[in-house]
Amino acid sequence: MIEIFRTNINNPQVTKTLALAIHRQFPTYKISFDLEDRDKILRVASTKPVIEHQALFNIARSVGVEMEVLPE
């Protein structure tokens, strides 16, 4: 399962902070960012059929990041 999120990240250091915070709770999630995209993309991949959106939103807020699922 892969989910793509739009974020408000403008600082590459924040990507490291967010990735570490996500990996603490979800160590099997694969995280990648594309800050060159206008939507400041966060990609989350999981071997499980469901990605925990609400938990990810809470983690992001805890480090000052707003994000939403990017519609297909």
PDB file of N, CA and C in Angstrom:
ATOM      1  N   MET A   1       0.849  -1.175   0.000  1.00  0.00           N
ATOM      2  CA  MET A   1       0.000   0.000   0.000  1.00  0.00           C
ATOM      3  C   MET A   1       0.892   1.235   0.000  1.00  0.00           C
ATOM      4  N   ILE A   2       0.579   2.175  -0.875  1.00  0.00           N
ATOM      5  CA  ILE A   2       1.295   3.449  -0.916  1.00  0.00           C
ATOM      6  C   ILE A   2       0.272   4.568  -0.801  1.00  0.00           C
ATOM      7  N   GLU A   3       0.564   5.527   0.060  1.00  0.00           N
ATOM      8  CA  GLU A   3      -0.298   6.699   0.204  1.00  0.00           C
ATOM      9  C   GLU A   3       0.550   7.935  -0.027  1.00  0.00           C
ATOM     10  N   ILE A   4      -0.031   8.920  -0.694  1.00  0.00           N
ATOM     11  CA  ILE A   4       0.679  10.162  -0.994  1.00  0.00           C
ATOM     12  C   ILE A   4      -0.040  11.309  -0.307  1.00  0.00           C
ATOM     13  N   PHE A   5       0.754  12.139   0.380  1.00  0.00           N
ATOM     14  CA  PHE A   5       0.210  13.258   1.138  1.00  0.00           C
ATOM     15  C   PHE A   5       0.782  14.574   0.637  1.00  0.00           C
ATOM     16  N   ARG A   6      -0.041  15.604   0.681  1.00  0.00           N
ATOM     17  CA  ARG A   6       0.388  16.986   0.442  1.00  0.00           C
ATOM     18  C   ARG A   6       0.774  17.546   1.808  1.00  0.00           C
ATOM     19  N   THR A   7       1.910  18.252   1.887  1.00  0.00           N
ATOM     20  CA  THR A   7       2.355  18.812   3.168  1.00  0.00           C
ATOM     21  C   THR A   7       2.676  20.297   3.016  1.00  0.00           C
ATOM     22  N   ASN A   8       2.978  20.919   4.138  1.00  0.00           N
ATOM     23  CA  ASN A   8       3.415  22.317   4.134  1.00  0.00           C
ATOM     24  C   ASN A   8       4.906  22.430   4.460  1.00  0.00           C
ATOM     25  N   ILE A   9       5.665  21.372   4.242  1.00  0.00           N
ATOM     26  CA  ILE A   9       7.092  21.355   4.586  1.00  0.00           C
ATOM     27  C   ILE A   9       7.880  22.207   3.588  1.00  0.00           C
ATOM     28  N   ASN A  10       8.661  23.136   4.120  1.00  0.00           N
ATOM     29  CA  ASN A  10       9.533  23.965   3.285  1.00  0.00           C
ATOM     30  C   ASN A  10      10.999  23.804   3.646  1.00  0.00           C
ATOM     31  N   ASN A  11      11.265  23.142   4.750  1.00  0.00           N
ATOM     32  CA  ASN A  11      12.624  23.022   5.272  1.00  0.00           C
ATOM     33  C   ASN A  11      13.038  21.547   5.252  1.00  0.00           C
ATOM     34  N   PRO A  12      14.116  21.202   4.555  1.00  0.00           N
ATOM     35  CA  PRO A  12      14.555  19.799   4.510  1.00  0.00           C
ATOM     36  C   PRO A  12      14.820  19.198   5.894  1.00  0.00           C
ATOM     37  N   GLN A  13      15.207  19.995   6.868  1.00  0.00           N
ATOM     38  CA  GLN A  13      15.438  19.475   8.219  1.00  0.00           C
ATOM     39  C   GLN A  13      14.144  18.914   8.814  1.00  0.00           C
ATOM     40  N   VAL A  14      13.023  19.525   8.465  1.00  0.00           N
ATOM     41  CA  VAL A  14      11.730  19.059   8.976  1.00  0.00           C
ATOM     42  C   VAL A  14      11.415  17.664   8.440  1.00  0.00           C
ATOM     43  N   THR A  15      11.870  17.349   7.233  1.00  0.00           N
ATOM     44  CA  THR A  15      11.627  16.007   6.700  1.00  0.00           C
ATOM     45  C   THR A  15      12.300  14.957   7.576  1.00  0.00           C
ATOM     46  N   LYS A  16      13.493  15.250   8.037  1.00  0.00           N
ATOM     47  CA  LYS A  16      14.200  14.306   8.917  1.00  0.00           C
ATOM     48  C   LYS A  16      13.462  14.134  10.233  1.00  0.00           C
ATOM     49  N   THR A  17      13.009  15.250  10.801  1.00  0.00           N
ATOM     50  CA  THR A  17      12.278  15.201  12.067  1.00  0.00           C
ATOM     51  C   THR A  17      11.001  14.388  11.918  1.00  0.00           C
ATOM     52  N   LEU A  18      10.261  14.644  10.848  1.00  0.00           N
ATOM     53  CA  LEU A  18       9.006  13.926  10.627  1.00  0.00           C
ATOM     54  C   LEU A  18       9.262  12.448  10.354  1.00  0.00           C
ATOM     55  N   ALA A  19      10.245  12.135   9.526  1.00  0.00           N
ATOM     56  CA  ALA A  19      10.549  10.730   9.224  1.00  0.00           C
ATOM     57  C   ALA A  19      10.924   9.969  10.489  1.00  0.00           C
ATOM     58  N   LEU A  20      11.737  10.571  11.343  1.00  0.00           N
ATOM     59  CA  LEU A  20      12.106   9.912  12.606  1.00  0.00           C
ATOM     60  C   LEU A  20      10.885   9.686  13.486  1.00  0.00           C
ATOM     61  N   ALA A  21      10.016  10.675  13.565  1.00  0.00           N
ATOM     62  CA  ALA A  21       8.815  10.549  14.391  1.00  0.00           C
ATOM     63  C   ALA A  21       7.901   9.445  13.855  1.00  0.00           C
ATOM     64  N   ILE A  22       7.748   9.367  12.545  1.00  0.00           N
ATOM     65  CA  ILE A  22       6.912   8.313  11.957  1.00  0.00           C
ATOM     66  C   ILE A  22       7.543   6.945  12.199  1.00  0.00           C
ATOM     67  N   HIS A  23       8.859   6.832  12.001  1.00  0.00           N
ATOM     68  CA  HIS A  23       9.527   5.536  12.179  1.00  0.00           C
ATOM     69  C   HIS A  23       9.490   5.047  13.624  1.00  0.00           C
ATOM     70  N   ARG A  24       9.417   5.961  14.577  1.00  0.00           N
ATOM     71  CA  ARG A  24       9.291   5.528  15.979  1.00  0.00           C
ATOM     72  C   ARG A  24       8.010   4.732  16.191  1.00  0.00           C
ATOM     73  N   GLN A  25       6.930   5.175  15.577  1.00  0.00           N
ATOM     74  CA  GLN A  25       5.646   4.498  15.756  1.00  0.00           C
ATOM     75  C   GLN A  25       5.402   3.413  14.701  1.00  0.00           C
ATOM     76  N   PHE A  26       5.932   3.617  13.507  1.00  0.00           N
ATOM     77  CA  PHE A  26       5.710   2.678  12.404  1.00  0.00           C
ATOM     78  C   PHE A  26       7.048   2.326  11.756  1.00  0.00           C
ATOM     79  N   PRO A  27       7.841   1.482  12.394  1.00  0.00           N
ATOM     80  CA  PRO A  27       9.189   1.199  11.891  1.00  0.00           C
ATOM     81  C   PRO A  27       9.228   0.522  10.519  1.00  0.00           C
ATOM     82  N   THR A  28       8.141  -0.082  10.091  1.00  0.00           N
ATOM     83  CA  THR A  28       8.151  -0.762   8.790  1.00  0.00           C
ATOM     84  C   THR A  28       7.729   0.150   7.637  1.00  0.00           C
ATOM     85  N   TYR A  29       7.211   1.333   7.938  1.00  0.00           N
ATOM     86  CA  TYR A  29       6.817   2.259   6.870  1.00  0.00           C
ATOM     87  C   TYR A  29       8.056   2.772   6.151  1.00  0.00           C
ATOM     88  N   LYS A  30       7.982   2.841   4.844  1.00  0.00           N
ATOM     89  CA  LYS A  30       9.029   3.457   4.021  1.00  0.00           C
ATOM     90  C   LYS A  30       8.566   4.879   3.715  1.00  0.00           C
ATOM     91  N   ILE A  31       9.411   5.844   4.019  1.00  0.00           N
ATOM     92  CA  ILE A  31       9.063   7.258   3.903  1.00  0.00           C
ATOM     93  C   ILE A  31       9.947   7.915   2.848  1.00  0.00           C
ATOM     94  N   SER A  32       9.339   8.732   1.989  1.00  0.00           N
ATOM     95  CA  SER A  32      10.130   9.555   1.065  1.00  0.00           C
ATOM     96  C   SER A  32       9.408  10.885   0.852  1.00  0.00           C
ATOM     97  N   PHE A  33      10.192  11.885   0.479  1.00  0.00           N
ATOM     98  CA  PHE A  33       9.670  13.235   0.291  1.00  0.00           C
ATOM     99  C   PHE A  33      10.060  13.744  -1.090  1.00  0.00           C
ATOM    100  N   ASP A  34       9.236  14.629  -1.622  1.00  0.00           N
ATOM    101  CA  ASP A  34       9.569  15.371  -2.840  1.00  0.00           C
ATOM    102  C   ASP A  34       9.214  16.829  -2.584  1.00  0.00           C
ATOM    103  N   LEU A  35      10.179  17.582  -2.069  1.00  0.00           N
ATOM    104  CA  LEU A  35       9.939  18.984  -1.747  1.00  0.00           C
ATOM    105  C   LEU A  35       9.994  19.872  -2.986  1.00  0.00           C
ATOM    106  N   GLU A  36      10.445  19.336  -4.100  1.00  0.00           N
ATOM    107  CA  GLU A  36      10.456  20.120  -5.332  1.00  0.00           C
ATOM    108  C   GLU A  36       9.076  20.170  -5.981  1.00  0.00           C
ATOM    109  N   ASP A  37       8.229  19.211  -5.656  1.00  0.00           N
ATOM    110  CA  ASP A  37       6.853  19.217  -6.143  1.00  0.00           C
ATOM    111  C   ASP A  37       6.099  20.357  -5.457  1.00  0.00           C
ATOM    112  N   ARG A  38       5.177  20.989  -6.155  1.00  0.00           N
ATOM    113  CA  ARG A  38       4.442  22.122  -5.563  1.00  0.00           C
ATOM    114  C   ARG A  38       3.626  21.716  -4.341  1.00  0.00           C
ATOM    115  N   ASP A  39       3.285  20.428  -4.226  1.00  0.00           N
ATOM    116  CA  ASP A  39       2.508  19.941  -3.083  1.00  0.00           C
ATOM    117  C   ASP A  39       3.376  19.447  -1.932  1.00  0.00           C
ATOM    118  N   LYS A  40       4.705  19.571  -2.058  1.00  0.00           N
ATOM    119  CA  LYS A  40       5.631  19.153  -0.987  1.00  0.00           C
ATOM    120  C   LYS A  40       5.272  17.740  -0.522  1.00  0.00           C
ATOM    121  N   ILE A  41       5.435  16.791  -1.397  1.00  0.00           N
ATOM    122  CA  ILE A  41       4.929  15.423  -1.256  1.00  0.00           C
ATOM    123  C   ILE A  41       5.638  14.612  -0.170  1.00  0.00           C
ATOM    124  N   LEU A  42       4.822  13.873   0.575  1.00  0.00           N
ATOM    125  CA  LEU A  42       5.282  12.820   1.483  1.00  0.00           C
ATOM    126  C   LEU A  42       4.679  11.525   0.962  1.00  0.00           C
ATOM    127  N   ARG A  43       5.519  10.532   0.696  1.00  0.00           N
ATOM    128  CA  ARG A  43       5.049   9.205   0.283  1.00  0.00           C
ATOM    129  C   ARG A  43       5.289   8.233   1.426  1.00  0.00           C
ATOM    130  N   VAL A  44       4.265   7.453   1.708  1.00  0.00           N
ATOM    131  CA  VAL A  44       4.369   6.438   2.752  1.00  0.00           C
ATOM    132  C   VAL A  44       4.001   5.099   2.129  1.00  0.00           C
ATOM    133  N   ALA A  45       4.902   4.145   2.238  1.00  0.00           N
ATOM    134  CA  ALA A  45       4.655   2.804   1.712  1.00  0.00           C
ATOM    135  C   ALA A  45       4.656   1.817   2.869  1.00  0.00           C
ATOM    136  N   SER A  46       3.749   0.860   2.786  1.00  0.00           N
ATOM    137  CA  SER A  46       3.632  -0.149   3.834  1.00  0.00           C
ATOM    138  C   SER A  46       3.350  -1.503   3.199  1.00  0.00           C
ATOM    139  N   THR A  47       3.827  -2.552   3.847  1.00  0.00           N
ATOM    140  CA  THR A  47       3.512  -3.900   3.378  1.00  0.00           C
ATOM    141  C   THR A  47       2.123  -4.323   3.845  1.00  0.00           C
ATOM    142  N   LYS A  48       1.557  -3.572   4.775  1.00  0.00           N
ATOM    143  CA  LYS A  48       0.211  -3.870   5.273  1.00  0.00           C
ATOM    144  C   LYS A  48      -0.821  -3.228   4.344  1.00  0.00           C
ATOM    145  N   PRO A  49      -2.054  -3.754   4.339  1.00  0.00           N
ATOM    146  CA  PRO A  49      -3.068  -3.228   3.422  1.00  0.00           C
ATOM    147  C   PRO A  49      -3.630  -1.858   3.814  1.00  0.00           C
ATOM    148  N   VAL A  50      -3.337  -1.400   5.030  1.00  0.00           N
ATOM    149  CA  VAL A  50      -3.883  -0.128   5.510  1.00  0.00           C
ATOM    150  C   VAL A  50      -2.758   0.731   6.070  1.00  0.00           C
ATOM    151  N   ILE A  51      -2.795   2.020   5.742  1.00  0.00           N
ATOM    152  CA  ILE A  51      -1.874   2.989   6.334  1.00  0.00           C
ATOM    153  C   ILE A  51      -2.670   3.801   7.345  1.00  0.00           C
ATOM    154  N   GLU A  52      -2.115   3.955   8.522  1.00  0.00           N
ATOM    155  CA  GLU A  52      -2.812   4.621   9.631  1.00  0.00           C
ATOM    156  C   GLU A  52      -2.809   6.142   9.451  1.00  0.00           C
ATOM    157  N   HIS A  53      -3.789   6.645   8.686  1.00  0.00           N
ATOM    158  CA  HIS A  53      -3.843   8.082   8.378  1.00  0.00           C
ATOM    159  C   HIS A  53      -3.904   8.958   9.620  1.00  0.00           C
ATOM    160  N   GLN A  54      -4.848   8.668  10.499  1.00  0.00           N
ATOM    161  CA  GLN A  54      -5.040   9.550  11.654  1.00  0.00           C
ATOM    162  C   GLN A  54      -3.789   9.608  12.518  1.00  0.00           C
ATOM    163  N   ALA A  55      -3.150   8.486  12.715  1.00  0.00           N
ATOM    164  CA  ALA A  55      -1.907   8.477  13.494  1.00  0.00           C
ATOM    165  C   ALA A  55      -0.836   9.308  12.793  1.00  0.00           C
ATOM    166  N   LEU A  56      -0.749   9.208  11.473  1.00  0.00           N
ATOM    167  CA  LEU A  56       0.228  10.010  10.730  1.00  0.00           C
ATOM    168  C   LEU A  56      -0.085  11.498  10.840  1.00  0.00           C
ATOM    169  N   PHE A  57      -1.368  11.867  10.761  1.00  0.00           N
ATOM    170  CA  PHE A  57      -1.746  13.276  10.914  1.00  0.00           C
ATOM    171  C   PHE A  57      -1.345  13.787  12.293  1.00  0.00           C
ATOM    172  N   ASN A  58      -1.571  12.971  13.312  1.00  0.00           N
ATOM    173  CA  ASN A  58      -1.213  13.371  14.683  1.00  0.00           C
ATOM    174  C   ASN A  58       0.296  13.528  14.840  1.00  0.00           C
ATOM    175  N   ILE A  59       1.051  12.602  14.285  1.00  0.00           N
ATOM    176  CA  ILE A  59       2.517  12.685  14.352  1.00  0.00           C
ATOM    177  C   ILE A  59       2.984  13.951  13.639  1.00  0.00           C
ATOM    178  N   ALA A  60       2.447  14.207  12.461  1.00  0.00           N
ATOM    179  CA  ALA A  60       2.842  15.395  11.695  1.00  0.00           C
ATOM    180  C   ALA A  60       2.547  16.669  12.487  1.00  0.00           C
ATOM    181  N   ARG A  61       1.350  16.760  13.051  1.00  0.00           N
ATOM    182  CA  ARG A  61       0.998  17.945  13.843  1.00  0.00           C
ATOM    183  C   ARG A  61       1.939  18.128  15.015  1.00  0.00           C
ATOM    184  N   SER A  62       2.377  17.022  15.602  1.00  0.00           N
ATOM    185  CA  SER A  62       3.253  17.113  16.779  1.00  0.00           C
ATOM    186  C   SER A  62       4.608  17.729  16.443  1.00  0.00           C
ATOM    187  N   VAL A  63       4.996  17.704  15.168  1.00  0.00           N
ATOM    188  CA  VAL A  63       6.263  18.327  14.754  1.00  0.00           C
ATOM    189  C   VAL A  63       6.018  19.575  13.902  1.00  0.00           C
ATOM    190  N   GLY A  64       4.776  20.069  13.918  1.00  0.00           N
ATOM    191  CA  GLY A  64       4.458  21.322  13.240  1.00  0.00           C
ATOM    192  C   GLY A  64       4.176  21.219  11.758  1.00  0.00           C
ATOM    193  N   VAL A  65       3.821  20.029  11.305  1.00  0.00           N
ATOM    194  CA  VAL A  65       3.546  19.823   9.880  1.00  0.00           C
ATOM    195  C   VAL A  65       2.052  19.581   9.687  1.00  0.00           C
ATOM    196  N   GLU A  66       1.495  20.257   8.700  1.00  0.00           N
ATOM    197  CA  GLU A  66       0.119  19.992   8.283  1.00  0.00           C
ATOM    198  C   GLU A  66       0.189  19.148   7.020  1.00  0.00           C
ATOM    199  N   MET A  67      -0.698  18.177   6.923  1.00  0.00           N
ATOM    200  CA  MET A  67      -0.707  17.345   5.723  1.00  0.00           C
ATOM    201  C   MET A  67      -2.099  16.815   5.471  1.00  0.00           C
ATOM    202  N   GLU A  68      -2.328  16.406   4.236  1.00  0.00           N
ATOM    203  CA  GLU A  68      -3.600  15.817   3.840  1.00  0.00           C
ATOM    204  C   GLU A  68      -3.335  14.808   2.734  1.00  0.00           C
ATOM    205  N   VAL A  69      -4.243  13.848   2.619  1.00  0.00           N
ATOM    206  CA  VAL A  69      -4.117  12.855   1.553  1.00  0.00           C
ATOM    207  C   VAL A  69      -4.279  13.581   0.223  1.00  0.00           C
ATOM    208  N   LEU A  70      -3.393  13.306  -0.695  1.00  0.00           N
ATOM    209  CA  LEU A  70      -3.466  13.912  -2.022  1.00  0.00           C
ATOM    210  C   LEU A  70      -4.453  13.100  -2.852  1.00  0.00           C
ATOM    211  N   PRO A  71      -5.514  13.744  -3.347  1.00  0.00           N
ATOM    212  CA  PRO A  71      -6.479  12.986  -4.159  1.00  0.00           C
ATOM    213  C   PRO A  71      -5.816  12.455  -5.430  1.00  0.00           C
ATOM    214  N   GLU A  72      -6.283  11.313  -5.879  1.00  0.00           N
ATOM    215  CA  GLU A  72      -5.697  10.699  -7.085  1.00  0.00           C
ATOM    216  C   GLU A  72      -6.096  11.414  -8.337  1.00  0.00           C
TER     217      GLU A  72
END
